[in-house]
Amino acid sequence: MSRRGNCHDNAVAESFFQLLKRERIRRKIYSTRQDARADVFDYIEMFYNPKRRHGFNNQLSPVEFERQHLLSLESV
């Protein structure tokens, strides 16, 4: 949650929603809210987290980045 008047607190969420809209929602027309919910869930759980590469994560998906991080903690 962003502090009032501080746009930088909300930058990560804004960046995600911009990607969601650009990569998924603007390309589709949903007939029901349930269709929209299912498609957004599919985007996040089937593409964004396990497959989509992120520049901040050294071009790894969030799932792969977390897996590597956990492996590095086990070796300590």
PDB file of N, CA and C in Angstrom:
ATOM      1  N   MET A   1       0.853  -1.166   0.000  1.00  0.00           N
ATOM      2  CA  MET A   1       0.000   0.000   0.000  1.00  0.00           C
ATOM      3  C   MET A   1       0.899   1.229   0.000  1.00  0.00           C
ATOM      4  N   SER A   2       0.608   2.121  -0.852  1.00  0.00           N
ATOM      5  CA  SER A   2       1.422   3.317  -1.017  1.00  0.00           C
ATOM      6  C   SER A   2       1.025   4.403  -0.014  1.00  0.00           C
ATOM      7  N   ARG A   3       2.025   5.157   0.406  1.00  0.00           N
ATOM      8  CA  ARG A   3       1.726   6.319   1.234  1.00  0.00           C
ATOM      9  C   ARG A   3       1.101   7.388   0.346  1.00  0.00           C
ATOM     10  N   ARG A   4       0.291   8.191   0.896  1.00  0.00           N
ATOM     11  CA  ARG A   4      -0.371   9.237   0.127  1.00  0.00           C
ATOM     12  C   ARG A   4       0.668  10.161  -0.491  1.00  0.00           C
ATOM     13  N   GLY A   5       0.541  10.370  -1.803  1.00  0.00           N
ATOM     14  CA  GLY A   5       1.418  11.283  -2.507  1.00  0.00           C
ATOM     15  C   GLY A   5       2.775  10.704  -2.881  1.00  0.00           C
ATOM     16  N   ASN A   6       3.001   9.400  -2.632  1.00  0.00           N
ATOM     17  CA  ASN A   6       4.283   8.790  -2.957  1.00  0.00           C
ATOM     18  C   ASN A   6       4.070   7.699  -4.002  1.00  0.00           C
ATOM     19  N   CYS A   7       4.253   8.051  -5.263  1.00  0.00           N
ATOM     20  CA  CYS A   7       3.994   7.102  -6.347  1.00  0.00           C
ATOM     21  C   CYS A   7       5.016   5.975  -6.385  1.00  0.00           C
ATOM     22  N   HIS A   8       6.194   6.170  -5.816  1.00  0.00           N
ATOM     23  CA  HIS A   8       7.235   5.155  -5.881  1.00  0.00           C
ATOM     24  C   HIS A   8       6.923   3.930  -5.022  1.00  0.00           C
ATOM     25  N   ASP A   9       6.126   4.085  -3.987  1.00  0.00           N
ATOM     26  CA  ASP A   9       5.748   2.949  -3.154  1.00  0.00           C
ATOM     27  C   ASP A   9       4.945   1.916  -3.940  1.00  0.00           C
ATOM     28  N   ASN A  10       4.246   2.364  -4.945  1.00  0.00           N
ATOM     29  CA  ASN A  10       3.326   1.511  -5.681  1.00  0.00           C
ATOM     30  C   ASN A  10       3.891   1.074  -7.032  1.00  0.00           C
ATOM     31  N   ALA A  11       5.151   1.336  -7.310  1.00  0.00           N
ATOM     32  CA  ALA A  11       5.728   1.119  -8.636  1.00  0.00           C
ATOM     33  C   ALA A  11       5.699  -0.345  -9.065  1.00  0.00           C
ATOM     34  N   VAL A  12       5.971  -1.268  -8.166  1.00  0.00           N
ATOM     35  CA  VAL A  12       6.000  -2.684  -8.524  1.00  0.00           C
ATOM     36  C   VAL A  12       4.619  -3.151  -8.957  1.00  0.00           C
ATOM     37  N   ALA A  13       3.603  -2.794  -8.198  1.00  0.00           N
ATOM     38  CA  ALA A  13       2.234  -3.189  -8.549  1.00  0.00           C
ATOM     39  C   ALA A  13       1.804  -2.546  -9.853  1.00  0.00           C
ATOM     40  N   GLU A  14       2.119  -1.281 -10.051  1.00  0.00           N
ATOM     41  CA  GLU A  14       1.765  -0.598 -11.292  1.00  0.00           C
ATOM     42  C   GLU A  14       2.456  -1.242 -12.481  1.00  0.00           C
ATOM     43  N   SER A  15       3.708  -1.639 -12.322  1.00  0.00           N
ATOM     44  CA  SER A  15       4.438  -2.295 -13.397  1.00  0.00           C
ATOM     45  C   SER A  15       3.789  -3.630 -13.748  1.00  0.00           C
ATOM     46  N   PHE A  16       3.407  -4.412 -12.738  1.00  0.00           N
ATOM     47  CA  PHE A  16       2.751  -5.689 -12.994  1.00  0.00           C
ATOM     48  C   PHE A  16       1.433  -5.494 -13.732  1.00  0.00           C
ATOM     49  N   PHE A  17       0.602  -4.559 -13.270  1.00  0.00           N
ATOM     50  CA  PHE A  17      -0.699  -4.360 -13.912  1.00  0.00           C
ATOM     51  C   PHE A  17      -0.551  -3.843 -15.334  1.00  0.00           C
ATOM     52  N   GLN A  18       0.478  -3.044 -15.598  1.00  0.00           N
ATOM     53  CA  GLN A  18       0.732  -2.578 -16.949  1.00  0.00           C
ATOM     54  C   GLN A  18       1.071  -3.767 -17.853  1.00  0.00           C
ATOM     55  N   LEU A  19       1.903  -4.690 -17.369  1.00  0.00           N
ATOM     56  CA  LEU A  19       2.237  -5.886 -18.148  1.00  0.00           C
ATOM     57  C   LEU A  19       1.018  -6.769 -18.360  1.00  0.00           C
ATOM     58  N   LEU A  20       0.244  -6.970 -17.322  1.00  0.00           N
ATOM     59  CA  LEU A  20      -0.967  -7.787 -17.428  1.00  0.00           C
ATOM     60  C   LEU A  20      -1.889  -7.228 -18.501  1.00  0.00           C
ATOM     61  N   LYS A  21      -2.102  -5.928 -18.475  1.00  0.00           N
ATOM     62  CA  LYS A  21      -2.979  -5.308 -19.474  1.00  0.00           C
ATOM     63  C   LYS A  21      -2.392  -5.422 -20.873  1.00  0.00           C
ATOM     64  N   ARG A  22      -1.104  -5.145 -21.013  1.00  0.00           N
ATOM     65  CA  ARG A  22      -0.476  -5.147 -22.332  1.00  0.00           C
ATOM     66  C   ARG A  22      -0.374  -6.553 -22.908  1.00  0.00           C
ATOM     67  N   GLU A  23      -0.001  -7.523 -22.093  1.00  0.00           N
ATOM     68  CA  GLU A  23       0.249  -8.864 -22.599  1.00  0.00           C
ATOM     69  C   GLU A  23      -0.988  -9.753 -22.653  1.00  0.00           C
ATOM     70  N   ARG A  24      -2.018  -9.417 -21.925  1.00  0.00           N
ATOM     71  CA  ARG A  24      -3.147 -10.336 -21.867  1.00  0.00           C
ATOM     72  C   ARG A  24      -4.498  -9.674 -22.067  1.00  0.00           C
ATOM     73  N   ILE A  25      -4.852  -8.726 -21.223  1.00  0.00           N
ATOM     74  CA  ILE A  25      -6.234  -8.239 -21.182  1.00  0.00           C
ATOM     75  C   ILE A  25      -6.633  -7.450 -22.422  1.00  0.00           C
ATOM     76  N   ARG A  26      -5.760  -6.594 -22.931  1.00  0.00           N
ATOM     77  CA  ARG A  26      -6.126  -5.780 -24.090  1.00  0.00           C
ATOM     78  C   ARG A  26      -6.321  -6.590 -25.356  1.00  0.00           C
ATOM     79  N   ARG A  27      -5.868  -7.825 -25.352  1.00  0.00           N
ATOM     80  CA  ARG A  27      -5.994  -8.678 -26.532  1.00  0.00           C
ATOM     81  C   ARG A  27      -7.278  -9.512 -26.528  1.00  0.00           C
ATOM     82  N   LYS A  28      -8.069  -9.419 -25.473  1.00  0.00           N
ATOM     83  CA  LYS A  28      -9.225 -10.294 -25.334  1.00  0.00           C
ATOM     84  C   LYS A  28     -10.480  -9.517 -24.972  1.00  0.00           C
ATOM     85  N   ILE A  29     -11.594 -10.137 -25.289  1.00  0.00           N
ATOM     86  CA  ILE A  29     -12.896  -9.646 -24.848  1.00  0.00           C
ATOM     87  C   ILE A  29     -13.521 -10.783 -24.048  1.00  0.00           C
ATOM     88  N   TYR A  30     -13.867 -10.499 -22.818  1.00  0.00           N
ATOM     89  CA  TYR A  30     -14.414 -11.520 -21.934  1.00  0.00           C
ATOM     90  C   TYR A  30     -15.931 -11.436 -21.928  1.00  0.00           C
ATOM     91  N   SER A  31     -16.574 -12.594 -21.988  1.00  0.00           N
ATOM     92  CA  SER A  31     -18.038 -12.597 -21.977  1.00  0.00           C
ATOM     93  C   SER A  31     -18.599 -12.534 -20.563  1.00  0.00           C
ATOM     94  N   THR A  32     -17.825 -13.012 -19.585  1.00  0.00           N
ATOM     95  CA  THR A  32     -18.273 -12.965 -18.185  1.00  0.00           C
ATOM     96  C   THR A  32     -17.105 -12.589 -17.288  1.00  0.00           C
ATOM     97  N   ARG A  33     -17.435 -12.175 -16.068  1.00  0.00           N
ATOM     98  CA  ARG A  33     -16.387 -11.888 -15.080  1.00  0.00           C
ATOM     99  C   ARG A  33     -15.606 -13.145 -14.737  1.00  0.00           C
ATOM    100  N   GLN A  34     -16.292 -14.267 -14.699  1.00  0.00           N
ATOM    101  CA  GLN A  34     -15.626 -15.526 -14.389  1.00  0.00           C
ATOM    102  C   GLN A  34     -14.591 -15.867 -15.457  1.00  0.00           C
ATOM    103  N   ASP A  35     -14.904 -15.603 -16.716  1.00  0.00           N
ATOM    104  CA  ASP A  35     -13.926 -15.820 -17.786  1.00  0.00           C
ATOM    105  C   ASP A  35     -12.698 -14.929 -17.588  1.00  0.00           C
ATOM    106  N   ALA A  36     -12.933 -13.682 -17.202  1.00  0.00           N
ATOM    107  CA  ALA A  36     -11.824 -12.747 -16.965  1.00  0.00           C
ATOM    108  C   ALA A  36     -10.981 -13.219 -15.777  1.00  0.00           C
ATOM    109  N   ARG A  37     -11.628 -13.618 -14.700  1.00  0.00           N
ATOM    110  CA  ARG A  37     -10.894 -14.103 -13.524  1.00  0.00           C
ATOM    111  C   ARG A  37     -10.048 -15.325 -13.859  1.00  0.00           C
ATOM    112  N   ALA A  38     -10.633 -16.255 -14.592  1.00  0.00           N
ATOM    113  CA  ALA A  38      -9.914 -17.475 -14.956  1.00  0.00           C
ATOM    114  C   ALA A  38      -8.719 -17.152 -15.850  1.00  0.00           C
ATOM    115  N   ASP A  39      -8.885 -16.216 -16.768  1.00  0.00           N
ATOM    116  CA  ASP A  39      -7.793 -15.862 -17.666  1.00  0.00           C
ATOM    117  C   ASP A  39      -6.668 -15.136 -16.927  1.00  0.00           C
ATOM    118  N   VAL A  40      -7.014 -14.254 -16.010  1.00  0.00           N
ATOM    119  CA  VAL A  40      -5.990 -13.566 -15.217  1.00  0.00           C
ATOM    120  C   VAL A  40      -5.256 -14.566 -14.330  1.00  0.00           C
ATOM    121  N   PHE A  41      -5.976 -15.495 -13.725  1.00  0.00           N
ATOM    122  CA  PHE A  41      -5.343 -16.544 -12.926  1.00  0.00           C
ATOM    123  C   PHE A  41      -4.382 -17.355 -13.786  1.00  0.00           C
ATOM    124  N   ASP A  42      -4.827 -17.727 -14.982  1.00  0.00           N
ATOM    125  CA  ASP A  42      -3.984 -18.483 -15.901  1.00  0.00           C
ATOM    126  C   ASP A  42      -2.732 -17.699 -16.270  1.00  0.00           C
ATOM    127  N   TYR A  43      -2.875 -16.422 -16.527  1.00  0.00           N
ATOM    128  CA  TYR A  43      -1.720 -15.583 -16.870  1.00  0.00           C
ATOM    129  C   TYR A  43      -0.695 -15.573 -15.740  1.00  0.00           C
ATOM    130  N   ILE A  44      -1.159 -15.401 -14.516  1.00  0.00           N
ATOM    131  CA  ILE A  44      -0.246 -15.300 -13.377  1.00  0.00           C
ATOM    132  C   ILE A  44       0.379 -16.655 -13.044  1.00  0.00           C
ATOM    133  N   GLU A  45      -0.448 -17.677 -12.906  1.00  0.00           N
ATOM    134  CA  GLU A  45       0.027 -18.975 -12.420  1.00  0.00           C
ATOM    135  C   GLU A  45       0.648 -19.864 -13.495  1.00  0.00           C
ATOM    136  N   MET A  46       0.257 -19.682 -14.759  1.00  0.00           N
ATOM    137  CA  MET A  46       0.764 -20.561 -15.809  1.00  0.00           C
ATOM    138  C   MET A  46       1.820 -19.889 -16.695  1.00  0.00           C
ATOM    139  N   PHE A  47       1.897 -18.550 -16.655  1.00  0.00           N
ATOM    140  CA  PHE A  47       2.870 -17.867 -17.496  1.00  0.00           C
ATOM    141  C   PHE A  47       3.778 -16.931 -16.708  1.00  0.00           C
ATOM    142  N   TYR A  48       3.216 -15.952 -16.022  1.00  0.00           N
ATOM    143  CA  TYR A  48       4.011 -14.905 -15.391  1.00  0.00           C
ATOM    144  C   TYR A  48       4.984 -15.454 -14.349  1.00  0.00           C
ATOM    145  N   ASN A  49       4.511 -16.267 -13.450  1.00  0.00           N
ATOM    146  CA  ASN A  49       5.393 -16.797 -12.395  1.00  0.00           C
ATOM    147  C   ASN A  49       6.332 -17.905 -12.877  1.00  0.00           C
ATOM    148  N   PRO A  50       5.847 -18.911 -13.606  1.00  0.00           N
ATOM    149  CA  PRO A  50       6.769 -20.003 -13.948  1.00  0.00           C
ATOM    150  C   PRO A  50       7.596 -19.801 -15.213  1.00  0.00           C
ATOM    151  N   LYS A  51       7.155 -18.958 -16.151  1.00  0.00           N
ATOM    152  CA  LYS A  51       7.829 -18.898 -17.449  1.00  0.00           C
ATOM    153  C   LYS A  51       8.384 -17.534 -17.841  1.00  0.00           C
ATOM    154  N   ARG A  52       7.681 -16.461 -17.509  1.00  0.00           N
ATOM    155  CA  ARG A  52       8.084 -15.151 -17.997  1.00  0.00           C
ATOM    156  C   ARG A  52       9.382 -14.711 -17.340  1.00  0.00           C
ATOM    157  N   ARG A  53      10.361 -14.367 -18.174  1.00  0.00           N
ATOM    158  CA  ARG A  53      11.654 -13.929 -17.658  1.00  0.00           C
ATOM    159  C   ARG A  53      11.581 -12.479 -17.228  1.00  0.00           C
ATOM    160  N   HIS A  54      12.270 -12.166 -16.133  1.00  0.00           N
ATOM    161  CA  HIS A  54      12.239 -10.827 -15.561  1.00  0.00           C
ATOM    162  C   HIS A  54      13.649 -10.255 -15.544  1.00  0.00           C
ATOM    163  N   GLY A  55      13.788  -9.042 -16.036  1.00  0.00           N
ATOM    164  CA  GLY A  55      15.091  -8.394 -16.074  1.00  0.00           C
ATOM    165  C   GLY A  55      15.701  -8.212 -14.708  1.00  0.00           C
ATOM    166  N   PHE A  56      14.891  -7.927 -13.722  1.00  0.00           N
ATOM    167  CA  PHE A  56      15.390  -7.713 -12.363  1.00  0.00           C
ATOM    168  C   PHE A  56      15.929  -8.997 -11.758  1.00  0.00           C
ATOM    169  N   ASN A  57      15.420 -10.142 -12.218  1.00  0.00           N
ATOM    170  CA  ASN A  57      15.828 -11.447 -11.690  1.00  0.00           C
ATOM    171  C   ASN A  57      16.889 -12.102 -12.565  1.00  0.00           C
ATOM    172  N   ASN A  58      17.700 -11.313 -13.231  1.00  0.00           N
ATOM    173  CA  ASN A  58      18.761 -11.845 -14.093  1.00  0.00           C
ATOM    174  C   ASN A  58      18.194 -12.765 -15.180  1.00  0.00           C
ATOM    175  N   GLN A  59      17.080 -12.337 -15.758  1.00  0.00           N
ATOM    176  CA  GLN A  59      16.385 -13.054 -16.831  1.00  0.00           C
ATOM    177  C   GLN A  59      15.874 -14.433 -16.424  1.00  0.00           C
ATOM    178  N   LEU A  60      15.539 -14.589 -15.157  1.00  0.00           N
ATOM    179  CA  LEU A  60      14.922 -15.823 -14.672  1.00  0.00           C
ATOM    180  C   LEU A  60      13.453 -15.565 -14.371  1.00  0.00           C
ATOM    181  N   SER A  61      12.649 -16.606 -14.463  1.00  0.00           N
ATOM    182  CA  SER A  61      11.253 -16.477 -14.037  1.00  0.00           C
ATOM    183  C   SER A  61      11.238 -16.387 -12.509  1.00  0.00           C
ATOM    184  N   PRO A  62      10.171 -15.847 -11.918  1.00  0.00           N
ATOM    185  CA  PRO A  62      10.106 -15.779 -10.457  1.00  0.00           C
ATOM    186  C   PRO A  62      10.242 -17.152  -9.793  1.00  0.00           C
ATOM    187  N   VAL A  63       9.658 -18.182 -10.375  1.00  0.00           N
ATOM    188  CA  VAL A  63       9.748 -19.523  -9.795  1.00  0.00           C
ATOM    189  C   VAL A  63      11.195 -20.024  -9.827  1.00  0.00           C
ATOM    190  N   GLU A  64      11.865 -19.839 -10.965  1.00  0.00           N
ATOM    191  CA  GLU A  64      13.249 -20.292 -11.086  1.00  0.00           C
ATOM    192  C   GLU A  64      14.170 -19.488 -10.171  1.00  0.00           C
ATOM    193  N   PHE A  65      13.934 -18.185 -10.074  1.00  0.00           N
ATOM    194  CA  PHE A  65      14.740 -17.338  -9.193  1.00  0.00           C
ATOM    195  C   PHE A  65      14.610 -17.807  -7.746  1.00  0.00           C
ATOM    196  N   GLU A  66      13.389 -18.076  -7.308  1.00  0.00           N
ATOM    197  CA  GLU A  66      13.163 -18.538  -5.936  1.00  0.00           C
ATOM    198  C   GLU A  66      13.805 -19.903  -5.704  1.00  0.00           C
ATOM    199  N   ARG A  67      13.702 -20.795  -6.687  1.00  0.00           N
ATOM    200  CA  ARG A  67      14.308 -22.115  -6.560  1.00  0.00           C
ATOM    201  C   ARG A  67      15.823 -22.004  -6.386  1.00  0.00           C
ATOM    202  N   GLN A  68      16.459 -21.164  -7.207  1.00  0.00           N
ATOM    203  CA  GLN A  68      17.901 -20.989  -7.098  1.00  0.00           C
ATOM    204  C   GLN A  68      18.289 -20.351  -5.770  1.00  0.00           C
ATOM    205  N   HIS A  69      17.472 -19.410  -5.314  1.00  0.00           N
ATOM    206  CA  HIS A  69      17.748 -18.765  -4.031  1.00  0.00           C
ATOM    207  C   HIS A  69      17.677 -19.785  -2.887  1.00  0.00           C
ATOM    208  N   LEU A  70      16.658 -20.616  -2.892  1.00  0.00           N
ATOM    209  CA  LEU A  70      16.527 -21.635  -1.849  1.00  0.00           C
ATOM    210  C   LEU A  70      17.668 -22.630  -1.893  1.00  0.00           C
ATOM    211  N   LEU A  71      18.112 -23.003  -3.083  1.00  0.00           N
ATOM    212  CA  LEU A  71      19.260 -23.908  -3.192  1.00  0.00           C
ATOM    213  C   LEU A  71      20.530 -23.269  -2.639  1.00  0.00           C
ATOM    214  N   SER A  72      20.689 -21.971  -2.873  1.00  0.00           N
ATOM    215  CA  SER A  72      21.880 -21.295  -2.366  1.00  0.00           C
ATOM    216  C   SER A  72      21.857 -21.208  -0.828  1.00  0.00           C
ATOM    217  N   LEU A  73      20.679 -21.110  -0.236  1.00  0.00           N
ATOM    218  CA  LEU A  73      20.576 -21.093   1.225  1.00  0.00           C
ATOM    219  C   LEU A  73      20.878 -22.457   1.821  1.00  0.00           C
ATOM    220  N   GLU A  74      20.510 -23.521   1.124  1.00  0.00           N
ATOM    221  CA  GLU A  74      20.771 -24.872   1.616  1.00  0.00           C
ATOM    222  C   GLU A  74      22.268 -25.179   1.619  1.00  0.00           C
ATOM    223  N   SER A  75      23.000 -24.583   0.712  1.00  0.00           N
ATOM    224  CA  SER A  75      24.435 -24.882   0.622  1.00  0.00           C
ATOM    225  C   SER A  75      25.268 -24.093   1.623  1.00  0.00           C
ATOM    226  N   VAL A  76      24.621 -23.186   2.353  1.00  0.00           N
ATOM    227  CA  VAL A  76      25.357 -22.382   3.351  1.00  0.00           C
ATOM    228  C   VAL A  76      25.486 -23.118   4.651  1.00  0.00           C
TER     229      VAL A  76
END
